[in-house]
N, C-alpha and C. Protein backbone atom coordinates (compact mmCIF):
# COMPACT_ATOMS: atom_id res chain seq x y z
N UNK A 1 -15.30 -16.03 26.13
CA UNK A 1 -14.56 -15.02 25.40
C UNK A 1 -13.14 -14.84 26.07
N UNK A 2 -12.17 -15.15 25.23
CA UNK A 2 -10.79 -14.86 25.93
C UNK A 2 -10.16 -13.76 25.30
N UNK A 3 -9.38 -13.00 26.06
CA UNK A 3 -8.70 -11.83 25.52
C UNK A 3 -7.22 -11.89 25.88
N UNK A 4 -6.37 -11.39 25.07
CA UNK A 4 -4.95 -11.34 25.38
C UNK A 4 -4.64 -10.12 26.33
N UNK A 5 -3.39 -10.03 26.78
CA UNK A 5 -3.09 -8.91 27.58
C UNK A 5 -3.27 -7.46 27.01
N UNK A 6 -3.30 -7.36 25.64
CA UNK A 6 -3.49 -6.03 25.08
C UNK A 6 -5.01 -5.97 24.78
N UNK A 7 -5.89 -6.88 25.13
CA UNK A 7 -7.26 -6.72 24.86
C UNK A 7 -7.62 -7.13 23.47
N UNK A 8 -6.84 -7.74 22.75
CA UNK A 8 -7.09 -8.09 21.23
C UNK A 8 -8.19 -9.17 21.33
N UNK A 9 -9.14 -9.13 20.38
CA UNK A 9 -10.20 -10.19 20.27
C UNK A 9 -9.66 -11.33 19.54
N UNK A 10 -10.33 -12.44 19.72
CA UNK A 10 -10.05 -13.63 19.04
C UNK A 10 -10.42 -13.46 17.56
N UNK A 11 -9.70 -14.15 16.64
CA UNK A 11 -10.03 -14.05 15.22
C UNK A 11 -11.54 -14.25 14.98
N UNK A 12 -12.19 -13.47 14.14
CA UNK A 12 -13.44 -13.56 13.76
C UNK A 12 -14.52 -12.92 14.75
N UNK A 13 -14.24 -12.55 15.86
CA UNK A 13 -14.96 -11.84 16.84
C UNK A 13 -14.98 -10.29 16.59
N UNK A 14 -16.13 -9.71 16.90
CA UNK A 14 -16.18 -8.27 16.71
C UNK A 14 -16.35 -7.65 18.19
N UNK A 15 -16.09 -6.32 18.23
CA UNK A 15 -16.21 -5.55 19.47
C UNK A 15 -17.59 -5.10 19.62
N UNK A 16 -18.31 -5.62 20.61
CA UNK A 16 -19.63 -5.24 20.96
C UNK A 16 -19.56 -4.23 22.09
N UNK A 17 -20.56 -3.53 22.34
CA UNK A 17 -20.58 -2.47 23.43
C UNK A 17 -20.30 -3.19 24.79
N UNK A 18 -20.97 -4.31 24.92
CA UNK A 18 -20.68 -5.07 26.12
C UNK A 18 -19.07 -5.55 26.38
N UNK A 19 -18.55 -5.87 25.26
CA UNK A 19 -17.15 -6.33 25.29
C UNK A 19 -16.32 -5.12 25.64
N UNK A 20 -16.60 -3.88 25.08
CA UNK A 20 -15.95 -2.64 25.39
C UNK A 20 -16.14 -2.39 26.87
N UNK A 21 -17.19 -2.41 27.33
CA UNK A 21 -17.49 -2.17 28.78
C UNK A 21 -16.65 -3.03 29.62
N UNK A 22 -16.45 -4.43 29.25
CA UNK A 22 -15.74 -5.37 30.01
C UNK A 22 -14.36 -5.07 30.15
N UNK A 23 -13.74 -4.05 29.31
CA UNK A 23 -12.42 -3.68 29.37
C UNK A 23 -11.89 -3.11 30.72
N UNK A 24 -12.91 -2.54 31.37
CA UNK A 24 -12.55 -1.76 32.59
C UNK A 24 -12.53 -0.24 32.39
N UNK A 25 -11.69 0.33 33.26
CA UNK A 25 -11.65 1.80 33.04
C UNK A 25 -10.82 2.38 31.94
N UNK A 26 -9.73 1.64 31.61
CA UNK A 26 -8.77 2.06 30.55
C UNK A 26 -8.40 0.87 29.77
N UNK A 27 -7.90 1.23 28.58
CA UNK A 27 -7.28 0.26 27.63
C UNK A 27 -6.13 0.93 27.01
N UNK A 28 -5.51 0.13 26.19
CA UNK A 28 -4.28 0.56 25.43
C UNK A 28 -4.66 1.12 24.02
N UNK A 29 -3.74 1.78 23.40
CA UNK A 29 -4.00 2.49 22.20
C UNK A 29 -4.43 1.29 21.10
N UNK A 30 -3.76 0.26 21.04
CA UNK A 30 -4.07 -0.74 20.04
C UNK A 30 -5.45 -1.34 20.11
N UNK A 31 -5.84 -1.65 21.40
CA UNK A 31 -7.22 -1.92 21.64
C UNK A 31 -8.34 -0.99 21.25
N UNK A 32 -8.06 0.39 21.67
CA UNK A 32 -8.82 1.39 21.24
C UNK A 32 -8.94 1.56 19.83
N UNK A 33 -7.90 1.46 19.12
CA UNK A 33 -7.85 1.52 17.64
C UNK A 33 -8.63 0.38 16.99
N UNK A 34 -8.45 -0.84 17.56
CA UNK A 34 -9.22 -1.89 16.90
C UNK A 34 -10.70 -1.69 17.12
N UNK A 35 -11.08 -1.27 18.26
CA UNK A 35 -12.57 -0.89 18.46
C UNK A 35 -13.14 0.11 17.37
N UNK A 36 -12.22 1.16 17.19
CA UNK A 36 -12.64 2.18 16.30
C UNK A 36 -12.29 1.97 14.86
N UNK A 37 -11.72 0.80 14.57
CA UNK A 37 -11.43 0.48 13.14
C UNK A 37 -10.37 1.18 12.50
N UNK A 38 -9.28 1.44 13.33
CA UNK A 38 -8.00 2.13 12.93
C UNK A 38 -6.92 1.17 13.11
N UNK A 39 -5.90 1.21 12.19
CA UNK A 39 -4.85 0.33 12.10
C UNK A 39 -3.82 0.77 13.20
N UNK A 40 -2.89 -0.15 13.66
CA UNK A 40 -2.11 0.02 14.72
C UNK A 40 -1.02 1.22 14.48
N UNK A 41 -0.36 1.19 13.33
CA UNK A 41 0.52 2.28 12.88
C UNK A 41 -0.21 3.51 12.89
N UNK A 42 -1.31 3.68 12.26
CA UNK A 42 -2.04 4.99 12.07
C UNK A 42 -2.47 5.48 13.51
N UNK A 43 -2.94 4.52 14.52
CA UNK A 43 -3.30 4.91 15.74
C UNK A 43 -2.15 5.70 16.48
N UNK A 44 -0.99 4.89 16.42
CA UNK A 44 0.16 5.60 17.12
C UNK A 44 0.64 6.85 16.50
N UNK A 45 0.43 7.02 15.29
CA UNK A 45 0.82 8.26 14.59
C UNK A 45 -0.24 9.41 15.04
N UNK A 46 -1.52 9.03 15.12
CA UNK A 46 -2.47 9.97 15.55
C UNK A 46 -2.25 10.38 17.12
N UNK A 47 -1.83 9.43 17.84
CA UNK A 47 -1.65 9.61 19.25
C UNK A 47 -0.44 10.58 19.34
N UNK A 48 0.60 10.40 18.66
CA UNK A 48 1.88 11.25 18.74
C UNK A 48 1.46 12.67 18.42
N UNK A 49 0.54 12.93 17.43
CA UNK A 49 0.25 14.24 16.89
C UNK A 49 -0.93 14.90 17.63
N UNK A 50 -1.48 14.13 18.65
CA UNK A 50 -2.70 14.62 19.34
C UNK A 50 -3.92 14.57 18.64
N UNK A 51 -3.95 13.74 17.47
CA UNK A 51 -5.25 13.67 16.73
C UNK A 51 -6.01 12.38 16.92
N UNK A 52 -5.58 11.50 17.96
CA UNK A 52 -6.34 10.42 18.13
C UNK A 52 -7.88 10.74 18.54
N UNK A 53 -8.80 10.06 17.94
CA UNK A 53 -10.13 10.53 18.05
C UNK A 53 -10.74 10.63 19.42
N UNK A 54 -10.22 9.97 20.42
CA UNK A 54 -10.61 10.18 21.79
C UNK A 54 -9.45 10.64 22.77
N UNK A 55 -9.75 11.17 23.88
CA UNK A 55 -8.75 11.71 24.80
C UNK A 55 -7.81 10.50 25.16
N UNK A 56 -6.55 10.78 25.28
CA UNK A 56 -5.51 9.80 25.56
C UNK A 56 -4.80 10.34 26.89
N UNK A 57 -4.37 9.52 27.74
CA UNK A 57 -3.65 9.93 28.85
C UNK A 57 -2.20 9.34 28.73
N UNK A 58 -1.22 10.21 28.90
CA UNK A 58 0.28 9.79 28.78
C UNK A 58 0.58 9.35 30.11
N UNK A 59 1.13 8.08 30.35
CA UNK A 59 1.58 7.46 31.59
C UNK A 59 3.06 7.02 31.12
N UNK A 60 4.04 7.79 31.56
CA UNK A 60 5.40 7.47 31.10
C UNK A 60 5.54 7.45 29.70
N UNK A 61 5.92 6.41 29.20
CA UNK A 61 6.06 6.26 27.62
C UNK A 61 4.80 5.63 27.05
N UNK A 62 3.82 5.26 27.96
CA UNK A 62 2.66 4.65 27.40
C UNK A 62 1.52 5.57 27.11
N UNK A 63 0.53 5.28 26.25
CA UNK A 63 -0.68 6.01 26.13
C UNK A 63 -1.75 5.07 26.84
N UNK A 64 -2.63 5.69 27.54
CA UNK A 64 -3.74 4.90 28.05
C UNK A 64 -5.00 5.68 27.66
N UNK A 65 -6.05 4.82 27.29
CA UNK A 65 -7.19 5.42 26.68
C UNK A 65 -8.45 4.96 27.78
N UNK A 66 -9.11 6.08 28.13
CA UNK A 66 -10.28 5.85 29.05
C UNK A 66 -11.33 5.19 28.19
N UNK A 67 -11.89 4.04 28.69
CA UNK A 67 -12.91 3.43 28.02
C UNK A 67 -14.18 4.25 27.90
N UNK A 68 -14.41 5.06 28.83
CA UNK A 68 -15.61 5.80 28.76
C UNK A 68 -15.52 6.86 27.66
N UNK A 69 -14.35 7.27 27.23
CA UNK A 69 -14.16 8.17 26.10
C UNK A 69 -14.51 7.54 24.85
N UNK A 70 -14.18 6.18 24.66
CA UNK A 70 -14.53 5.44 23.55
C UNK A 70 -16.12 5.31 23.44
N UNK A 71 -16.69 4.89 24.56
CA UNK A 71 -18.13 4.80 24.69
C UNK A 71 -18.88 6.11 24.24
N UNK A 72 -18.26 7.24 24.75
CA UNK A 72 -18.88 8.45 24.43
C UNK A 72 -18.82 8.76 22.85
N UNK A 73 -17.63 8.53 22.39
CA UNK A 73 -17.46 8.73 20.94
C UNK A 73 -18.61 7.83 20.06
N UNK A 74 -18.81 6.62 20.59
CA UNK A 74 -19.74 5.84 19.95
C UNK A 74 -21.24 6.02 20.28
N UNK A 75 -21.44 7.18 21.07
CA UNK A 75 -22.67 7.63 21.59
C UNK A 75 -23.47 6.54 22.35
N UNK A 76 -22.75 5.87 23.28
CA UNK A 76 -23.27 4.95 24.16
C UNK A 76 -23.31 5.50 25.54
N UNK A 77 -24.49 5.45 26.17
CA UNK A 77 -24.72 6.06 27.55
C UNK A 77 -24.02 5.20 28.57
C-alpha cells in the first residue's frame, strides 16, 4: 500500500481502521476529510469556521488533525 505525502489513498482503495492508524499521530485536513467522506473544499470551509467534525490544531497557516480524534469519532478504541 503506497501513500502520497498528503496521505491520499491509491485509486480504488478505501480507508480502513488499520490504514488510519498507520497515519501516525497527526494528518492533514485533506486526508482527514477523505477518511470522513468530506470533500476538500468543504473540509477547509468547515475548518475555517470551527465546524470540522473533529478537533483541529492550527500550526502556523496549516491545520493538523490528531488521528486519535478521527478514531474517536468513528468509535474505534
